[in-house]
């Protein structure tokens, strides 16, 4: 890789490493909102998986000659702001955030990973693999809606808010990292390619909302 490409990969892995670290913190906190021990244990296991992913990413950063702390630092403010503004108030909001919000971010990272050579492509795809969020979140949210239809409207609004906040923060981060922005632009080829990438991510979000039984 060229120096510019290496910096872009370090930026991407740094952003993802901090995202996984905050995911661990958030899931561990959300686990305490669980109404059952089963739910508490499920989210605790997911949190452990996120921490393991963080370890994989920091190891790769070291291999690339980067300091993991310095690589993560540029993304702390934006990611912390996102999580502060979208802190779940209930168990169900936490599940929707884990499924819809994290799913949107995972789609973006997977799209960018296709522009990378190995081993970084495989590492990102492995880290972004589902850790159990999907099936568990869908079961819990759909069961809650079946019991009380009034929660569906509130959760649908919450899902739309999550996506709006996630897109805004992602744009802010990418705009400040020139090499990362260049990687995305070159990877998509042109504006039409970038448009198709956005369409794929939007379509996946719509399907997730439908899977939860919510209006996108």
N, C-alpha and C. Protein backbone atom coordinates (compact mmCIF):
# COMPACT_ATOMS: atom_id res chain seq x y z
N UNK A 1 0.84 -1.20 0.00
CA UNK A 1 0.00 0.00 0.00
C UNK A 1 0.87 1.25 0.00
N UNK A 2 0.37 2.30 -0.62
CA UNK A 2 1.05 3.58 -0.57
C UNK A 2 0.87 4.19 0.81
N UNK A 3 1.62 5.27 1.06
CA UNK A 3 1.50 5.96 2.35
C UNK A 3 0.09 6.50 2.56
N UNK A 4 -0.49 7.05 1.50
CA UNK A 4 -1.85 7.59 1.59
C UNK A 4 -2.84 6.46 1.89
N UNK A 5 -2.69 5.33 1.20
CA UNK A 5 -3.60 4.20 1.43
C UNK A 5 -3.46 3.67 2.85
N UNK A 6 -2.22 3.62 3.34
CA UNK A 6 -2.01 3.14 4.71
C UNK A 6 -2.68 4.07 5.71
N UNK A 7 -2.56 5.38 5.49
CA UNK A 7 -3.22 6.33 6.40
C UNK A 7 -4.73 6.16 6.36
N UNK A 8 -5.27 5.89 5.18
CA UNK A 8 -6.72 5.68 5.07
C UNK A 8 -7.14 4.44 5.85
N UNK A 9 -6.36 3.36 5.75
CA UNK A 9 -6.67 2.13 6.47
C UNK A 9 -6.56 2.36 7.97
N UNK A 10 -5.52 3.08 8.39
CA UNK A 10 -5.36 3.38 9.82
C UNK A 10 -6.54 4.19 10.33
N UNK A 11 -6.99 5.17 9.53
CA UNK A 11 -8.17 5.95 9.92
C UNK A 11 -9.39 5.04 10.07
N UNK A 12 -9.60 4.18 9.08
CA UNK A 12 -10.76 3.31 9.11
C UNK A 12 -10.72 2.36 10.29
N UNK A 13 -9.57 1.73 10.52
CA UNK A 13 -9.44 0.79 11.64
C UNK A 13 -9.52 1.53 12.97
N UNK A 14 -8.99 2.75 13.02
CA UNK A 14 -9.08 3.53 14.26
C UNK A 14 -10.52 3.87 14.59
N UNK A 15 -11.28 4.29 13.57
CA UNK A 15 -12.69 4.60 13.78
C UNK A 15 -13.45 3.37 14.24
N UNK A 16 -13.18 2.26 13.60
CA UNK A 16 -13.88 1.03 13.93
C UNK A 16 -13.48 0.51 15.31
N UNK A 17 -12.20 0.65 15.65
CA UNK A 17 -11.73 0.20 16.97
C UNK A 17 -12.43 0.98 18.08
N UNK A 18 -12.56 2.29 17.90
CA UNK A 18 -13.24 3.06 18.93
C UNK A 18 -14.73 2.75 18.95
N UNK A 19 -15.30 2.52 17.77
CA UNK A 19 -16.72 2.15 17.71
C UNK A 19 -16.98 0.85 18.47
N UNK A 20 -16.07 -0.11 18.33
CA UNK A 20 -16.24 -1.39 19.03
C UNK A 20 -16.06 -1.21 20.53
N UNK A 21 -15.15 -0.34 20.93
CA UNK A 21 -14.94 -0.10 22.36
C UNK A 21 -16.18 0.55 22.97
N UNK A 22 -16.75 1.53 22.28
CA UNK A 22 -17.96 2.17 22.80
C UNK A 22 -19.15 1.21 22.75
N UNK A 23 -19.17 0.32 21.75
CA UNK A 23 -20.25 -0.67 21.69
C UNK A 23 -20.21 -1.58 22.90
N UNK A 24 -19.00 -1.95 23.32
CA UNK A 24 -18.87 -2.78 24.53
C UNK A 24 -19.46 -2.04 25.73
N UNK A 25 -19.06 -0.78 25.91
CA UNK A 25 -19.56 0.00 27.05
C UNK A 25 -21.08 0.11 27.01
N UNK A 26 -21.60 0.41 25.82
CA UNK A 26 -23.04 0.65 25.67
C UNK A 26 -23.85 -0.61 25.91
N UNK A 27 -23.41 -1.71 25.32
CA UNK A 27 -24.16 -2.96 25.49
C UNK A 27 -24.13 -3.44 26.93
N UNK A 28 -22.98 -3.26 27.58
CA UNK A 28 -22.89 -3.65 28.99
C UNK A 28 -23.84 -2.81 29.84
N UNK A 29 -23.95 -1.52 29.50
CA UNK A 29 -24.88 -0.65 30.22
C UNK A 29 -26.32 -1.01 29.91
N UNK A 30 -26.62 -1.23 28.62
CA UNK A 30 -27.99 -1.56 28.23
C UNK A 30 -28.44 -2.90 28.80
N UNK A 31 -27.51 -3.80 29.04
CA UNK A 31 -27.86 -5.11 29.59
C UNK A 31 -28.57 -4.96 30.93
N UNK A 32 -28.24 -3.90 31.66
CA UNK A 32 -28.86 -3.69 32.97
C UNK A 32 -30.31 -3.24 32.86
N UNK A 33 -30.72 -2.83 31.64
CA UNK A 33 -32.12 -2.46 31.43
C UNK A 33 -33.00 -3.67 31.12
N UNK A 34 -32.37 -4.81 30.90
CA UNK A 34 -33.11 -6.00 30.48
C UNK A 34 -34.14 -6.41 31.53
N UNK A 35 -35.35 -6.75 31.09
CA UNK A 35 -36.40 -7.16 32.03
C UNK A 35 -36.24 -8.60 32.51
N UNK A 36 -35.36 -9.37 31.85
CA UNK A 36 -35.16 -10.77 32.22
C UNK A 36 -33.67 -11.08 32.29
N UNK A 37 -33.35 -12.14 32.99
CA UNK A 37 -31.95 -12.60 33.05
C UNK A 37 -31.48 -13.07 31.69
N UNK A 38 -32.39 -13.65 30.91
CA UNK A 38 -32.04 -14.10 29.56
C UNK A 38 -31.57 -12.92 28.71
N UNK A 39 -32.31 -11.82 28.77
CA UNK A 39 -31.94 -10.64 28.02
C UNK A 39 -30.64 -10.03 28.52
N UNK A 40 -30.49 -10.00 29.82
CA UNK A 40 -29.26 -9.47 30.42
C UNK A 40 -28.05 -10.27 29.94
N UNK A 41 -28.15 -11.58 29.98
CA UNK A 41 -27.04 -12.43 29.56
C UNK A 41 -26.75 -12.29 28.07
N UNK A 42 -27.81 -12.15 27.26
CA UNK A 42 -27.64 -12.04 25.81
C UNK A 42 -26.84 -10.79 25.46
N UNK A 43 -27.20 -9.66 26.06
CA UNK A 43 -26.47 -8.44 25.76
C UNK A 43 -25.07 -8.45 26.34
N UNK A 44 -24.89 -9.10 27.48
CA UNK A 44 -23.55 -9.21 28.06
C UNK A 44 -22.63 -10.00 27.13
N UNK A 45 -23.16 -11.06 26.52
CA UNK A 45 -22.36 -11.84 25.57
C UNK A 45 -22.01 -11.01 24.33
N UNK A 46 -22.97 -10.21 23.87
CA UNK A 46 -22.69 -9.34 22.73
C UNK A 46 -21.60 -8.33 23.08
N UNK A 47 -21.66 -7.78 24.30
CA UNK A 47 -20.66 -6.82 24.74
C UNK A 47 -19.27 -7.46 24.74
N UNK A 48 -19.19 -8.70 25.21
CA UNK A 48 -17.91 -9.40 25.23
C UNK A 48 -17.36 -9.59 23.83
N UNK A 49 -18.25 -9.87 22.88
CA UNK A 49 -17.82 -10.05 21.48
C UNK A 49 -17.27 -8.75 20.91
N UNK A 50 -17.90 -7.63 21.26
CA UNK A 50 -17.44 -6.33 20.77
C UNK A 50 -16.05 -6.01 21.32
N UNK A 51 -15.81 -6.35 22.58
CA UNK A 51 -14.50 -6.10 23.17
C UNK A 51 -13.43 -6.95 22.49
N UNK A 52 -13.77 -8.18 22.14
CA UNK A 52 -12.83 -9.05 21.42
C UNK A 52 -12.51 -8.45 20.05
N UNK A 53 -13.51 -7.91 19.38
CA UNK A 53 -13.29 -7.26 18.09
C UNK A 53 -12.35 -6.06 18.23
N UNK A 54 -12.55 -5.29 19.29
CA UNK A 54 -11.67 -4.16 19.56
C UNK A 54 -10.22 -4.63 19.65
N UNK A 55 -10.00 -5.75 20.32
CA UNK A 55 -8.65 -6.29 20.45
C UNK A 55 -8.06 -6.68 19.10
N UNK A 56 -8.85 -7.29 18.24
CA UNK A 56 -8.38 -7.66 16.90
C UNK A 56 -7.94 -6.43 16.11
N UNK A 57 -8.73 -5.38 16.19
CA UNK A 57 -8.45 -4.17 15.43
C UNK A 57 -7.20 -3.46 15.94
N UNK A 58 -7.04 -3.38 17.25
CA UNK A 58 -5.85 -2.71 17.78
C UNK A 58 -4.59 -3.51 17.47
N UNK A 59 -4.68 -4.83 17.44
CA UNK A 59 -3.54 -5.65 17.06
C UNK A 59 -3.11 -5.35 15.62
N UNK A 60 -4.09 -5.20 14.74
CA UNK A 60 -3.77 -4.90 13.34
C UNK A 60 -3.17 -3.50 13.22
N UNK A 61 -3.65 -2.55 13.99
CA UNK A 61 -3.09 -1.21 13.96
C UNK A 61 -1.62 -1.23 14.36
N UNK A 62 -1.29 -2.02 15.37
CA UNK A 62 0.10 -2.15 15.79
C UNK A 62 0.94 -2.76 14.67
N UNK A 63 0.39 -3.76 13.99
CA UNK A 63 1.10 -4.38 12.86
C UNK A 63 1.41 -3.35 11.77
N UNK A 64 0.51 -2.38 11.61
CA UNK A 64 0.70 -1.35 10.60
C UNK A 64 1.63 -0.23 11.07
N UNK A 65 2.13 -0.36 12.30
CA UNK A 65 3.03 0.64 12.84
C UNK A 65 2.33 1.84 13.45
N UNK A 66 1.05 1.70 13.71
CA UNK A 66 0.26 2.80 14.28
C UNK A 66 0.04 2.61 15.77
N UNK A 67 -0.07 3.69 16.49
CA UNK A 67 -0.45 3.67 17.90
C UNK A 67 -1.97 3.62 17.97
N UNK A 68 -2.56 2.55 18.51
CA UNK A 68 -4.03 2.44 18.52
C UNK A 68 -4.73 3.62 19.19
N UNK A 69 -4.15 4.14 20.27
CA UNK A 69 -4.78 5.27 20.96
C UNK A 69 -4.82 6.49 20.05
N UNK A 70 -3.70 6.77 19.37
CA UNK A 70 -3.67 7.90 18.46
C UNK A 70 -4.58 7.68 17.26
N UNK A 71 -4.69 6.43 16.81
CA UNK A 71 -5.56 6.13 15.66
C UNK A 71 -7.03 6.32 16.02
N UNK A 72 -7.40 6.03 17.24
CA UNK A 72 -8.80 6.18 17.67
C UNK A 72 -9.16 7.61 18.02
N UNK A 73 -8.18 8.38 18.46
CA UNK A 73 -8.43 9.71 19.03
C UNK A 73 -9.26 10.64 18.14
N UNK A 74 -9.03 10.70 16.80
CA UNK A 74 -9.79 11.64 15.99
C UNK A 74 -11.29 11.37 15.94
N UNK A 75 -11.70 10.18 16.38
CA UNK A 75 -13.10 9.78 16.23
C UNK A 75 -13.87 9.80 17.55
N UNK A 76 -13.16 10.13 18.62
CA UNK A 76 -13.78 10.08 19.95
C UNK A 76 -14.93 11.08 20.05
N UNK A 77 -14.68 12.33 19.66
CA UNK A 77 -15.69 13.38 19.85
C UNK A 77 -16.98 13.05 19.07
N UNK A 78 -16.84 12.69 17.80
CA UNK A 78 -18.02 12.43 16.97
C UNK A 78 -18.81 11.22 17.47
N UNK A 79 -18.11 10.12 17.79
CA UNK A 79 -18.81 8.92 18.22
C UNK A 79 -19.43 9.11 19.60
N UNK A 80 -18.72 9.80 20.49
CA UNK A 80 -19.30 10.07 21.81
C UNK A 80 -20.52 10.96 21.69
N UNK A 81 -20.46 11.94 20.78
CA UNK A 81 -21.61 12.84 20.59
C UNK A 81 -22.81 12.06 20.09
N UNK A 82 -22.58 11.12 19.18
CA UNK A 82 -23.68 10.30 18.67
C UNK A 82 -24.33 9.50 19.80
N UNK A 83 -23.50 8.85 20.61
CA UNK A 83 -24.06 8.01 21.66
C UNK A 83 -24.71 8.83 22.77
N UNK A 84 -24.18 10.01 23.03
CA UNK A 84 -24.80 10.89 24.03
C UNK A 84 -26.19 11.35 23.57
N UNK A 85 -26.29 11.69 22.29
CA UNK A 85 -27.56 12.19 21.76
C UNK A 85 -28.58 11.09 21.50
N UNK A 86 -28.13 9.83 21.51
CA UNK A 86 -29.05 8.71 21.25
C UNK A 86 -29.00 7.68 22.37
N UNK A 87 -28.88 8.16 23.59
CA UNK A 87 -28.86 7.25 24.73
C UNK A 87 -30.25 6.65 24.93
N UNK A 88 -30.39 5.33 24.90
CA UNK A 88 -31.71 4.70 25.06
C UNK A 88 -32.29 4.96 26.44
N UNK A 89 -33.59 5.17 26.47
CA UNK A 89 -34.27 5.36 27.74
C UNK A 89 -34.92 4.07 28.22
N UNK A 90 -35.11 3.13 27.31
CA UNK A 90 -35.77 1.88 27.65
C UNK A 90 -35.02 0.70 27.04
N UNK A 91 -35.36 -0.48 27.49
CA UNK A 91 -34.80 -1.72 26.97
C UNK A 91 -35.04 -1.85 25.47
N UNK A 92 -36.26 -1.55 25.04
CA UNK A 92 -36.59 -1.70 23.62
C UNK A 92 -35.83 -0.68 22.76
N UNK A 93 -35.69 0.53 23.25
CA UNK A 93 -34.90 1.52 22.49
C UNK A 93 -33.45 1.06 22.36
N UNK A 94 -32.92 0.44 23.40
CA UNK A 94 -31.56 -0.09 23.33
C UNK A 94 -31.43 -1.17 22.28
N UNK A 95 -32.43 -2.04 22.19
CA UNK A 95 -32.38 -3.11 21.19
C UNK A 95 -32.48 -2.55 19.77
N UNK A 96 -33.36 -1.56 19.58
CA UNK A 96 -33.48 -0.96 18.25
C UNK A 96 -32.18 -0.27 17.87
N UNK A 97 -31.55 0.39 18.83
CA UNK A 97 -30.27 1.04 18.53
C UNK A 97 -29.21 0.02 18.16
N UNK A 98 -29.15 -1.08 18.90
CA UNK A 98 -28.16 -2.11 18.62
C UNK A 98 -28.37 -2.73 17.24
N UNK A 99 -29.62 -2.88 16.85
CA UNK A 99 -29.94 -3.54 15.58
C UNK A 99 -29.91 -2.58 14.40
N UNK A 100 -30.63 -1.46 14.53
CA UNK A 100 -30.76 -0.52 13.42
C UNK A 100 -29.54 0.39 13.31
N UNK A 101 -29.18 1.03 14.42
CA UNK A 101 -28.05 1.96 14.39
C UNK A 101 -26.73 1.28 14.08
N UNK A 102 -26.45 0.19 14.81
CA UNK A 102 -25.20 -0.54 14.57
C UNK A 102 -25.21 -1.19 13.19
N UNK A 103 -26.40 -1.62 12.75
CA UNK A 103 -26.50 -2.25 11.44
C UNK A 103 -26.15 -1.29 10.32
N UNK A 104 -26.60 -0.04 10.46
CA UNK A 104 -26.29 0.98 9.46
C UNK A 104 -24.79 1.21 9.40
N UNK A 105 -24.15 1.33 10.56
CA UNK A 105 -22.71 1.55 10.61
C UNK A 105 -21.97 0.35 10.01
N UNK A 106 -22.44 -0.85 10.34
CA UNK A 106 -21.80 -2.06 9.82
C UNK A 106 -21.88 -2.12 8.30
N UNK A 107 -23.02 -1.71 7.75
CA UNK A 107 -23.16 -1.69 6.29
C UNK A 107 -22.15 -0.76 5.65
N UNK A 108 -21.95 0.41 6.26
CA UNK A 108 -21.00 1.37 5.71
C UNK A 108 -19.58 0.81 5.77
N UNK A 109 -19.20 0.25 6.91
CA UNK A 109 -17.86 -0.32 7.05
C UNK A 109 -17.64 -1.47 6.07
N UNK A 110 -18.66 -2.30 5.88
CA UNK A 110 -18.52 -3.42 4.94
C UNK A 110 -18.36 -2.91 3.51
N UNK A 111 -19.08 -1.87 3.17
CA UNK A 111 -18.95 -1.29 1.83
C UNK A 111 -17.53 -0.78 1.61
N UNK A 112 -17.00 -0.07 2.59
CA UNK A 112 -15.65 0.48 2.46
C UNK A 112 -14.61 -0.64 2.44
N UNK A 113 -14.86 -1.70 3.18
CA UNK A 113 -13.92 -2.83 3.24
C UNK A 113 -13.69 -3.44 1.86
N UNK A 114 -14.69 -3.38 0.99
CA UNK A 114 -14.53 -3.97 -0.34
C UNK A 114 -13.49 -3.24 -1.16
N UNK A 115 -13.13 -2.02 -0.76
CA UNK A 115 -12.12 -1.26 -1.48
C UNK A 115 -10.71 -1.59 -1.02
N UNK A 116 -10.59 -2.42 0.02
CA UNK A 116 -9.29 -2.68 0.65
C UNK A 116 -8.72 -4.03 0.23
N UNK A 117 -7.40 -4.16 0.27
CA UNK A 117 -6.77 -5.47 0.04
C UNK A 117 -6.83 -6.29 1.32
N UNK A 118 -6.50 -7.57 1.22
CA UNK A 118 -6.35 -8.39 2.42
C UNK A 118 -5.04 -8.01 3.12
N UNK A 119 -4.94 -8.18 4.43
CA UNK A 119 -5.90 -8.84 5.33
C UNK A 119 -6.96 -7.90 5.90
N UNK A 120 -6.87 -6.61 5.56
CA UNK A 120 -7.78 -5.64 6.19
C UNK A 120 -9.23 -5.83 5.77
N UNK A 121 -9.44 -6.23 4.51
CA UNK A 121 -10.81 -6.50 4.06
C UNK A 121 -11.43 -7.62 4.90
N UNK A 122 -10.72 -8.72 5.03
CA UNK A 122 -11.25 -9.84 5.79
C UNK A 122 -11.44 -9.51 7.25
N UNK A 123 -10.52 -8.74 7.82
CA UNK A 123 -10.63 -8.37 9.23
C UNK A 123 -11.90 -7.57 9.48
N UNK A 124 -12.15 -6.57 8.64
CA UNK A 124 -13.34 -5.73 8.84
C UNK A 124 -14.62 -6.54 8.64
N UNK A 125 -14.64 -7.38 7.63
CA UNK A 125 -15.84 -8.20 7.40
C UNK A 125 -16.08 -9.15 8.57
N UNK A 126 -15.00 -9.67 9.15
CA UNK A 126 -15.13 -10.57 10.30
C UNK A 126 -15.65 -9.81 11.52
N UNK A 127 -15.09 -8.64 11.75
CA UNK A 127 -15.50 -7.84 12.90
C UNK A 127 -16.96 -7.38 12.77
N UNK A 128 -17.39 -7.13 11.53
CA UNK A 128 -18.74 -6.65 11.30
C UNK A 128 -19.78 -7.76 11.21
N UNK A 129 -19.35 -9.01 11.33
CA UNK A 129 -20.30 -10.12 11.30
C UNK A 129 -21.24 -10.02 12.51
N UNK A 130 -22.45 -10.48 12.37
CA UNK A 130 -23.45 -10.39 13.43
C UNK A 130 -23.00 -11.16 14.66
N UNK A 131 -23.08 -10.52 15.83
CA UNK A 131 -22.70 -11.16 17.09
C UNK A 131 -23.92 -11.65 17.86
N UNK A 132 -25.06 -11.71 17.19
CA UNK A 132 -26.28 -12.15 17.86
C UNK A 132 -27.30 -11.04 18.02
N UNK A 133 -26.94 -9.80 17.61
CA UNK A 133 -27.87 -8.68 17.73
C UNK A 133 -29.17 -8.95 16.97
N UNK A 134 -29.02 -9.40 15.73
CA UNK A 134 -30.14 -9.41 14.80
C UNK A 134 -31.32 -10.25 15.28
N UNK A 135 -31.13 -11.55 15.37
CA UNK A 135 -32.24 -12.44 15.73
C UNK A 135 -32.81 -12.10 17.09
N UNK A 136 -31.93 -11.82 18.05
CA UNK A 136 -32.40 -11.51 19.40
C UNK A 136 -33.22 -10.24 19.42
N UNK A 137 -32.72 -9.17 18.77
CA UNK A 137 -33.45 -7.90 18.76
C UNK A 137 -34.79 -8.04 18.06
N UNK A 138 -34.81 -8.73 16.94
CA UNK A 138 -36.06 -8.90 16.19
C UNK A 138 -37.09 -9.64 17.04
N UNK A 139 -36.68 -10.72 17.68
CA UNK A 139 -37.61 -11.49 18.53
C UNK A 139 -38.19 -10.62 19.64
N UNK A 140 -37.32 -9.91 20.35
CA UNK A 140 -37.76 -9.13 21.50
C UNK A 140 -38.68 -7.98 21.09
N UNK A 141 -38.30 -7.25 20.04
CA UNK A 141 -39.11 -6.10 19.63
C UNK A 141 -40.45 -6.54 19.06
N UNK A 142 -40.44 -7.57 18.24
CA UNK A 142 -41.72 -8.03 17.66
C UNK A 142 -42.64 -8.59 18.75
N UNK A 143 -42.07 -9.25 19.74
CA UNK A 143 -42.89 -9.76 20.84
C UNK A 143 -43.50 -8.62 21.63
N UNK A 144 -42.73 -7.54 21.85
CA UNK A 144 -43.24 -6.38 22.58
C UNK A 144 -44.36 -5.70 21.81
N UNK A 145 -44.20 -5.60 20.48
CA UNK A 145 -45.23 -4.97 19.66
C UNK A 145 -46.50 -5.82 19.65
N UNK A 146 -46.34 -7.13 19.62
CA UNK A 146 -47.51 -8.01 19.64
C UNK A 146 -48.29 -7.85 20.93
N UNK A 147 -47.58 -7.56 22.01
CA UNK A 147 -48.23 -7.38 23.31
C UNK A 147 -48.87 -6.00 23.45
N UNK A 148 -48.18 -5.00 22.87
CA UNK A 148 -48.66 -3.62 23.00
C UNK A 148 -48.35 -2.86 21.72
N UNK A 149 -49.33 -2.71 20.86
CA UNK A 149 -49.12 -2.10 19.55
C UNK A 149 -48.69 -0.64 19.65
N UNK A 150 -48.96 0.03 20.76
CA UNK A 150 -48.64 1.46 20.86
C UNK A 150 -47.14 1.72 20.84
N UNK A 151 -46.34 0.71 21.19
CA UNK A 151 -44.89 0.94 21.22
C UNK A 151 -44.30 1.05 19.82
N UNK A 152 -45.01 0.52 18.81
CA UNK A 152 -44.47 0.50 17.46
C UNK A 152 -44.21 1.90 16.93
N UNK A 153 -45.15 2.82 17.14
CA UNK A 153 -44.98 4.18 16.65
C UNK A 153 -43.78 4.87 17.27
N UNK A 154 -43.64 4.73 18.57
CA UNK A 154 -42.51 5.37 19.27
C UNK A 154 -41.18 4.80 18.79
N UNK A 155 -41.14 3.48 18.63
CA UNK A 155 -39.89 2.86 18.19
C UNK A 155 -39.55 3.19 16.74
N UNK A 156 -40.57 3.36 15.91
CA UNK A 156 -40.33 3.75 14.51
C UNK A 156 -39.70 5.15 14.46
N UNK A 157 -40.22 6.07 15.27
CA UNK A 157 -39.64 7.41 15.33
C UNK A 157 -38.21 7.36 15.85
N UNK A 158 -37.99 6.52 16.83
CA UNK A 158 -36.65 6.34 17.40
C UNK A 158 -35.69 5.81 16.34
N UNK A 159 -36.13 4.84 15.56
CA UNK A 159 -35.29 4.28 14.50
C UNK A 159 -34.91 5.32 13.47
N UNK A 160 -35.87 6.16 13.09
CA UNK A 160 -35.57 7.21 12.12
C UNK A 160 -34.60 8.24 12.69
N UNK A 161 -34.76 8.54 13.97
CA UNK A 161 -33.83 9.48 14.61
C UNK A 161 -32.41 8.91 14.64
N UNK A 162 -32.29 7.65 14.96
CA UNK A 162 -30.98 7.00 15.00
C UNK A 162 -30.26 7.12 13.66
N UNK A 163 -31.00 6.86 12.59
CA UNK A 163 -30.40 6.90 11.26
C UNK A 163 -29.96 8.32 10.91
N UNK A 164 -30.81 9.29 11.20
CA UNK A 164 -30.44 10.67 10.92
C UNK A 164 -29.19 11.10 11.64
N UNK A 165 -29.09 10.74 12.93
CA UNK A 165 -27.92 11.09 13.72
C UNK A 165 -26.68 10.35 13.21
N UNK A 166 -26.84 9.08 12.87
CA UNK A 166 -25.71 8.28 12.40
C UNK A 166 -25.15 8.83 11.09
N UNK A 167 -26.03 9.20 10.18
CA UNK A 167 -25.59 9.74 8.89
C UNK A 167 -24.86 11.06 9.09
N UNK A 168 -25.39 11.92 9.94
CA UNK A 168 -24.77 13.23 10.19
C UNK A 168 -23.37 13.07 10.77
N UNK A 169 -23.23 12.17 11.75
CA UNK A 169 -21.92 11.97 12.37
C UNK A 169 -20.94 11.32 11.40
N UNK A 170 -21.41 10.39 10.59
CA UNK A 170 -20.53 9.73 9.61
C UNK A 170 -20.00 10.73 8.61
N UNK A 171 -20.88 11.60 8.13
CA UNK A 171 -20.47 12.63 7.17
C UNK A 171 -19.43 13.56 7.79
N UNK A 172 -19.63 13.91 9.06
CA UNK A 172 -18.70 14.82 9.73
C UNK A 172 -17.32 14.17 9.88
N UNK A 173 -17.30 12.89 10.23
CA UNK A 173 -16.03 12.19 10.42
C UNK A 173 -15.29 12.07 9.10
N UNK A 174 -15.99 11.62 8.06
CA UNK A 174 -15.36 11.41 6.75
C UNK A 174 -14.85 12.73 6.18
N UNK A 175 -15.61 13.80 6.38
CA UNK A 175 -15.21 15.10 5.84
C UNK A 175 -13.91 15.60 6.45
N UNK A 176 -13.62 15.19 7.69
CA UNK A 176 -12.42 15.66 8.37
C UNK A 176 -11.20 14.77 8.11
N UNK A 177 -11.38 13.62 7.47
CA UNK A 177 -10.27 12.70 7.23
C UNK A 177 -10.07 12.57 5.72
N UNK A 178 -9.15 13.34 5.18
CA UNK A 178 -8.98 13.43 3.73
C UNK A 178 -8.70 12.10 3.07
N UNK A 179 -7.79 11.29 3.66
CA UNK A 179 -7.42 10.02 3.05
C UNK A 179 -8.59 9.04 3.04
N UNK A 180 -9.37 9.07 4.12
CA UNK A 180 -10.53 8.19 4.19
C UNK A 180 -11.58 8.60 3.16
N UNK A 181 -11.81 9.90 3.03
CA UNK A 181 -12.75 10.39 2.03
C UNK A 181 -12.28 10.01 0.62
N UNK A 182 -10.97 10.12 0.38
CA UNK A 182 -10.42 9.78 -0.92
C UNK A 182 -10.59 8.30 -1.22
N UNK A 183 -10.40 7.45 -0.20
CA UNK A 183 -10.59 6.01 -0.37
C UNK A 183 -12.01 5.69 -0.81
N UNK A 184 -12.99 6.34 -0.20
CA UNK A 184 -14.39 6.09 -0.53
C UNK A 184 -14.71 6.57 -1.94
N UNK A 185 -14.25 7.78 -2.26
CA UNK A 185 -14.53 8.34 -3.58
C UNK A 185 -13.91 7.49 -4.67
N UNK A 186 -12.64 7.11 -4.48
CA UNK A 186 -11.96 6.29 -5.49
C UNK A 186 -12.56 4.89 -5.56
N UNK A 187 -12.99 4.36 -4.42
CA UNK A 187 -13.56 3.02 -4.41
C UNK A 187 -14.89 2.93 -5.13
N UNK A 188 -15.70 3.97 -4.99
CA UNK A 188 -17.01 3.96 -5.66
C UNK A 188 -16.90 4.33 -7.13
N UNK A 189 -15.80 4.98 -7.50
CA UNK A 189 -15.55 5.28 -8.90
C UNK A 189 -16.00 6.65 -9.34
N UNK A 190 -17.23 7.02 -9.00
CA UNK A 190 -17.76 8.33 -9.38
C UNK A 190 -18.99 8.63 -8.53
N UNK A 191 -19.63 9.73 -8.81
CA UNK A 191 -20.79 10.12 -8.02
C UNK A 191 -21.94 9.12 -8.13
N UNK A 192 -22.10 8.51 -9.31
CA UNK A 192 -23.16 7.53 -9.47
C UNK A 192 -22.86 6.29 -8.62
N UNK A 193 -21.58 5.92 -8.55
CA UNK A 193 -21.20 4.79 -7.71
C UNK A 193 -21.43 5.09 -6.25
N UNK A 194 -21.13 6.31 -5.83
CA UNK A 194 -21.38 6.71 -4.45
C UNK A 194 -22.88 6.71 -4.17
N UNK A 195 -23.67 7.14 -5.16
CA UNK A 195 -25.11 7.12 -5.00
C UNK A 195 -25.65 5.71 -4.82
N UNK A 196 -25.09 4.76 -5.58
CA UNK A 196 -25.54 3.37 -5.44
C UNK A 196 -25.17 2.80 -4.07
N UNK A 197 -24.00 3.21 -3.56
CA UNK A 197 -23.60 2.77 -2.22
C UNK A 197 -24.61 3.25 -1.19
N UNK A 198 -24.99 4.52 -1.28
CA UNK A 198 -25.98 5.08 -0.34
C UNK A 198 -27.31 4.36 -0.48
N UNK A 199 -27.70 4.05 -1.71
CA UNK A 199 -28.96 3.34 -1.94
C UNK A 199 -28.95 1.96 -1.29
N UNK A 200 -27.82 1.26 -1.40
CA UNK A 200 -27.73 -0.08 -0.78
C UNK A 200 -27.85 0.01 0.73
N UNK A 201 -27.20 0.99 1.32
CA UNK A 201 -27.26 1.15 2.78
C UNK A 201 -28.68 1.53 3.21
N UNK A 202 -29.31 2.43 2.46
CA UNK A 202 -30.68 2.85 2.77
C UNK A 202 -31.65 1.68 2.64
N UNK A 203 -31.48 0.88 1.60
CA UNK A 203 -32.35 -0.28 1.39
C UNK A 203 -32.20 -1.28 2.53
N UNK A 204 -30.96 -1.51 2.97
CA UNK A 204 -30.74 -2.45 4.08
C UNK A 204 -31.39 -1.93 5.36
N UNK A 205 -31.33 -0.62 5.58
CA UNK A 205 -31.98 -0.04 6.75
C UNK A 205 -33.49 -0.26 6.71
N UNK A 206 -34.07 -0.03 5.53
CA UNK A 206 -35.52 -0.22 5.37
C UNK A 206 -35.91 -1.66 5.70
N UNK A 207 -35.13 -2.62 5.24
CA UNK A 207 -35.42 -4.02 5.52
C UNK A 207 -35.29 -4.34 7.00
N UNK A 208 -34.34 -3.73 7.68
CA UNK A 208 -34.20 -3.97 9.13
C UNK A 208 -35.42 -3.43 9.88
N UNK A 209 -35.85 -2.26 9.51
CA UNK A 209 -37.03 -1.70 10.18
C UNK A 209 -38.24 -2.59 9.95
N UNK A 210 -38.42 -3.09 8.74
CA UNK A 210 -39.54 -3.99 8.46
C UNK A 210 -39.42 -5.28 9.26
N UNK A 211 -38.20 -5.79 9.39
CA UNK A 211 -37.99 -7.03 10.15
C UNK A 211 -38.42 -6.86 11.60
N UNK A 212 -38.24 -5.64 12.13
CA UNK A 212 -38.66 -5.36 13.51
C UNK A 212 -40.16 -5.15 13.63
N UNK A 213 -40.84 -5.02 12.48
CA UNK A 213 -42.26 -4.73 12.51
C UNK A 213 -42.54 -3.25 12.62
N UNK A 214 -41.56 -2.42 12.17
CA UNK A 214 -41.69 -0.96 12.27
C UNK A 214 -41.73 -0.33 10.89
N UNK A 215 -42.39 0.80 10.78
CA UNK A 215 -42.41 1.53 9.53
C UNK A 215 -41.08 2.26 9.36
N UNK A 216 -40.41 2.09 8.19
CA UNK A 216 -39.11 2.74 7.98
C UNK A 216 -39.25 4.26 7.87
